[in-house]
Amino acid sequence: MDDAHDLRGMRVAYGLEASPVAGTLTEDDLAATPLAQFRRWLADAVRAELPEPNAMVLGTVSRDGVPSARTVLLKDIDARGLAFYTNLDSRKGRELAETGRASCVFPWIALHRQVVVSGSVIPVPREEAAEYFASRPIGSRWGAWASFQSQVLEGRQSLDDRYAEIAERFPEEVPLPDFWGGWIVVPESMEFWQGRDSRLHDRLRFRRVDPDAAMDDADGWLVERLSP
């Protein structure tokens, strides 16, 4: 037990009066496609000025079944799925390549909402990754080259020294590293969760019933209400 904090007593009241946005989620409220519904809720999160509304908790699993999770930033969403970028040799990069599976959660807690996505992953085409990489601040591009992500460091100084070397090596044009790119999470299910009174939350899930259906194809998805 944590005697310093009343963890058992920590709770937030959800419901119509407590919610800064619409406090219910009915089948009639839902957009026709998961893509349209996600964009609608993301727009609400942006308008509410949540910190980093595109942040998502990405879950992966190793070939041996060991799970891991971390927060990354959503950088694109279209009919294919949800795209983010990373070092391809990082732990998440290796696990995505090995298993081809991922889950992600958008924890919009201030809005009493979350979105839970589960599905397969595919690589972002290299030309798209190069276009995005070129749009990043130059310091971030140097950082992508400098970091051997997820590997053990001798100390902070070794990272700073490598960053300085990369900045000197590429003072203006920074090429896309071979070990850096993007992944697209291709949803097989996408659950929209809205907090309600007495923990009787609304949970509506889009489940893909046509394996070839895109995220903007209404006919390829079944909407199901889940018990809270």
Protein backbone atom coordinates (compact mmCIF):
# COMPACT_ATOMS: atom_id res chain seq x y z
CA MET A 1 0.00 0.00 0.00
CA ASP A 2 1.10 3.58 -0.70
CA ASP A 3 0.58 5.36 2.62
CA ALA A 4 1.61 8.72 1.12
CA HIS A 5 -1.20 8.82 -1.41
CA ASP A 6 -4.85 7.87 -1.22
CA LEU A 7 -4.74 5.90 -4.46
CA ARG A 8 -7.99 4.11 -3.73
CA GLY A 9 -9.76 7.42 -3.35
CA MET A 10 -8.37 9.00 -6.51
CA ARG A 11 -11.09 9.23 -9.12
CA VAL A 12 -12.66 11.69 -11.54
CA ALA A 13 -16.42 12.03 -11.95
CA TYR A 14 -17.41 11.59 -15.58
CA GLY A 15 -20.73 12.51 -17.10
CA LEU A 16 -22.65 15.23 -18.88
CA GLU A 17 -21.96 18.00 -16.38
CA ALA A 18 -18.29 17.12 -15.92
CA SER A 19 -17.37 16.70 -19.58
CA PRO A 20 -15.90 19.68 -21.45
CA VAL A 21 -17.34 18.20 -24.67
CA ALA A 22 -20.41 16.11 -25.48
CA GLY A 23 -20.78 13.69 -22.58
CA THR A 24 -22.38 10.78 -24.43
CA LEU A 25 -21.53 8.61 -27.40
CA THR A 26 -24.51 6.98 -29.07
CA GLU A 27 -24.69 5.07 -32.31
CA ASP A 28 -26.42 8.11 -33.83
CA ASP A 29 -23.49 10.31 -32.78
CA LEU A 30 -20.96 8.14 -34.56
CA ALA A 31 -19.56 9.09 -37.97
CA ALA A 32 -19.99 6.64 -40.83
CA THR A 33 -16.35 5.54 -40.88
CA PRO A 34 -13.57 5.15 -38.31
CA LEU A 35 -11.47 7.67 -40.23
CA ALA A 36 -14.17 10.35 -40.05
CA GLN A 37 -14.88 9.66 -36.38
CA PHE A 38 -11.21 9.83 -35.41
CA ARG A 39 -10.71 13.08 -37.28
CA ARG A 40 -13.77 14.52 -35.52
CA TRP A 41 -12.45 13.65 -32.06
CA LEU A 42 -8.89 14.72 -32.90
CA ALA A 43 -10.26 18.10 -33.96
CA ASP A 44 -12.03 18.35 -30.57
CA ALA A 45 -8.74 17.59 -28.80
CA VAL A 46 -6.92 20.25 -30.81
CA ARG A 47 -9.62 22.86 -30.15
CA ALA A 48 -9.46 22.04 -26.44
CA GLU A 49 -5.73 22.83 -26.58
CA LEU A 50 -4.73 19.55 -25.00
CA PRO A 51 -0.95 19.14 -24.72
CA GLU A 52 0.24 17.10 -27.71
CA PRO A 53 -3.18 15.86 -28.82
CA ASN A 54 -1.48 13.63 -31.40
CA ALA A 55 0.43 11.70 -28.72
CA MET A 56 -0.40 7.99 -28.60
CA VAL A 57 0.77 5.13 -26.42
CA LEU A 58 2.14 2.50 -28.79
CA GLY A 59 2.17 -1.11 -27.65
CA THR A 60 4.31 -3.77 -29.30
CA VAL A 61 5.31 -7.33 -28.46
CA SER A 62 8.53 -9.21 -29.02
CA ARG A 63 8.82 -12.47 -30.90
CA ASP A 64 8.97 -14.14 -27.46
CA GLY A 65 5.74 -12.50 -26.33
CA VAL A 66 7.25 -9.80 -24.10
CA PRO A 67 5.15 -6.61 -24.33
CA SER A 68 6.39 -3.03 -24.22
CA ALA A 69 4.81 0.38 -24.56
CA ARG A 70 5.91 3.97 -25.10
CA THR A 71 4.48 7.29 -26.25
CA VAL A 72 5.01 8.39 -29.86
CA LEU A 73 3.47 11.10 -32.01
CA LEU A 74 0.91 10.48 -34.74
CA LYS A 75 2.14 12.26 -37.86
CA ASP A 76 -0.47 11.30 -40.46
CA ILE A 77 -3.78 9.53 -40.79
CA ASP A 78 -5.49 8.56 -44.02
CA ALA A 79 -7.47 5.71 -45.51
CA ARG A 80 -4.55 3.32 -44.92
CA GLY A 81 -4.16 3.92 -41.20
CA LEU A 82 -2.17 5.86 -38.60
CA ALA A 83 1.44 6.77 -39.35
CA PHE A 84 4.34 7.57 -37.03
CA TYR A 85 8.12 7.71 -37.46
CA THR A 86 11.02 6.22 -35.56
CA ASN A 87 14.45 4.65 -35.64
CA LEU A 88 13.83 1.34 -37.40
CA ASP A 89 16.52 -0.37 -35.29
CA SER A 90 14.90 0.67 -32.00
CA ARG A 91 13.11 -1.84 -29.81
CA LYS A 92 9.73 -0.89 -31.24
CA GLY A 93 11.09 -0.90 -34.77
CA ARG A 94 12.50 -4.41 -34.38
CA GLU A 95 9.35 -5.74 -32.72
CA LEU A 96 7.08 -4.26 -35.40
CA ALA A 97 9.23 -5.83 -38.10
CA GLU A 98 9.20 -9.21 -36.33
CA THR A 99 5.51 -9.49 -35.48
CA GLY A 100 3.73 -7.05 -37.79
CA ARG A 101 1.29 -6.17 -34.98
CA ALA A 102 0.63 -3.13 -32.80
CA SER A 103 -1.89 -1.42 -30.57
CA CYS A 104 -2.16 2.25 -29.71
CA VAL A 105 -4.15 4.41 -27.31
CA PHE A 106 -4.96 8.11 -27.51
CA PRO A 107 -5.54 9.12 -23.85
CA TRP A 108 -7.55 12.34 -24.14
CA ILE A 109 -8.19 12.29 -20.40
CA ALA A 110 -9.21 15.94 -20.08
CA LEU A 111 -12.05 15.29 -22.53
CA HIS A 112 -13.04 12.04 -20.77
CA ARG A 113 -12.25 10.21 -23.99
CA GLN A 114 -9.85 7.66 -25.37
CA VAL A 115 -9.41 5.84 -28.66
CA VAL A 116 -7.97 2.32 -28.71
CA VAL A 117 -6.61 0.91 -31.98
CA SER A 118 -5.43 -2.62 -32.74
CA GLY A 119 -4.17 -4.04 -35.99
CA SER A 120 -1.30 -4.87 -38.28
CA VAL A 121 1.51 -2.59 -39.40
CA ILE A 122 3.09 -1.77 -42.75
CA PRO A 123 6.14 0.41 -43.51
CA VAL A 124 5.65 3.98 -44.66
CA PRO A 125 6.94 4.16 -48.27
CA ARG A 126 10.47 5.56 -48.34
CA GLU A 127 9.53 8.55 -50.48
CA GLU A 128 6.92 9.57 -47.91
CA ALA A 129 9.39 9.08 -45.07
CA ALA A 130 11.94 11.23 -46.90
CA GLU A 131 9.37 13.97 -47.43
CA TYR A 132 8.44 14.02 -43.76
CA PHE A 133 12.08 13.82 -42.62
CA ALA A 134 12.93 16.88 -44.72
CA SER A 135 10.11 18.82 -43.03
CA ARG A 136 11.54 18.32 -39.52
CA PRO A 137 13.64 20.99 -37.78
CA ILE A 138 17.29 20.49 -38.60
CA GLY A 139 18.09 19.73 -34.98
CA SER A 140 15.64 16.83 -35.03
CA ARG A 141 17.23 15.52 -38.22
CA TRP A 142 20.67 15.66 -36.62
CA GLY A 143 19.20 13.93 -33.59
CA ALA A 144 17.85 11.08 -35.72
CA TRP A 145 21.36 10.43 -37.02
CA ALA A 146 23.00 10.83 -33.60
CA SER A 147 20.82 8.42 -31.64
CA PHE A 148 21.28 4.66 -31.74
CA GLN A 149 17.82 4.41 -30.21
CA SER A 150 17.26 1.84 -27.44
CA GLN A 151 20.95 0.93 -27.24
CA VAL A 152 22.92 1.33 -24.01
CA LEU A 153 24.96 4.57 -23.76
CA GLU A 154 28.26 4.98 -21.94
CA GLY A 155 26.99 8.38 -20.79
CA ARG A 156 25.28 11.56 -21.91
CA GLN A 157 28.54 13.03 -23.23
CA SER A 158 28.90 10.32 -25.88
CA LEU A 159 25.47 11.27 -27.27
CA ASP A 160 26.27 14.99 -27.22
CA ASP A 161 29.61 14.35 -28.95
CA ARG A 162 27.97 12.33 -31.71
CA TYR A 163 25.32 15.03 -32.18
CA ALA A 164 28.07 17.64 -32.63
CA GLU A 165 29.83 15.40 -35.15
CA ILE A 166 26.62 14.94 -37.15
CA ALA A 167 25.88 18.69 -37.12
CA GLU A 168 29.35 19.34 -38.49
CA ARG A 169 29.01 16.57 -41.08
CA PHE A 170 25.62 17.78 -42.37
CA PRO A 171 25.53 21.56 -41.80
CA GLU A 172 22.66 22.15 -44.25
CA GLU A 173 21.34 19.13 -46.16
CA VAL A 174 20.60 16.18 -43.89
CA PRO A 175 19.82 12.95 -45.79
CA LEU A 176 17.31 10.39 -44.61
CA PRO A 177 19.16 7.70 -42.63
CA ASP A 178 18.74 4.13 -43.84
CA PHE A 179 17.79 3.17 -40.28
CA TRP A 180 15.02 5.75 -39.90
CA GLY A 181 11.51 5.60 -41.29
CA GLY A 182 7.85 5.18 -40.52
CA TRP A 183 5.18 2.63 -39.75
CA ILE A 184 1.46 2.69 -40.49
CA VAL A 185 -0.86 1.01 -38.00
CA VAL A 186 -3.61 -0.55 -40.15
CA PRO A 187 -6.60 -0.88 -37.80
CA GLU A 188 -8.58 -4.08 -37.50
CA SER A 189 -10.54 -2.53 -34.65
CA MET A 190 -10.92 1.04 -33.45
CA GLU A 191 -12.76 1.71 -30.20
CA PHE A 192 -14.08 5.12 -29.18
CA TRP A 193 -14.55 5.48 -25.41
CA GLN A 194 -16.54 8.24 -23.73
CA GLY A 195 -16.64 8.53 -19.93
CA ARG A 196 -20.10 8.42 -18.32
CA ASP A 197 -21.63 8.60 -14.84
CA SER A 198 -21.11 5.69 -12.41
CA ARG A 199 -18.47 4.18 -14.70
CA LEU A 200 -21.17 3.15 -17.19
CA HIS A 201 -19.05 4.42 -20.05
CA ASP A 202 -19.95 4.46 -23.73
CA ARG A 203 -17.72 2.17 -25.82
CA LEU A 204 -18.38 1.95 -29.54
CA ARG A 205 -16.05 -0.13 -31.66
CA PHE A 206 -15.54 -0.20 -35.41
CA ARG A 207 -14.47 -3.75 -36.32
CA ARG A 208 -13.20 -4.51 -39.80
CA VAL A 209 -15.31 -7.20 -41.47
CA ASP A 210 -13.86 -6.81 -44.96
CA PRO A 211 -10.10 -7.46 -44.85
CA ASP A 212 -9.60 -5.13 -47.81
CA ALA A 213 -11.67 -2.26 -46.42
CA ALA A 214 -9.96 1.10 -46.03
CA MET A 215 -10.59 3.37 -43.06
CA ASP A 216 -12.94 5.52 -45.14
CA ASP A 217 -15.02 2.58 -46.40
CA ALA A 218 -18.24 2.44 -44.38
CA ASP A 219 -19.32 -0.91 -45.82
CA GLY A 220 -16.22 -2.69 -44.58
CA TRP A 221 -16.79 -2.05 -40.86
CA LEU A 222 -19.22 -3.28 -38.23
CA VAL A 223 -20.12 -1.02 -35.31
CA GLU A 224 -20.46 -2.78 -31.95
CA ARG A 225 -21.30 -1.44 -28.49
CA LEU A 226 -19.11 -2.92 -25.76
CA SER A 227 -20.01 -3.27 -22.12
CA PRO A 228 -18.06 -0.87 -19.90
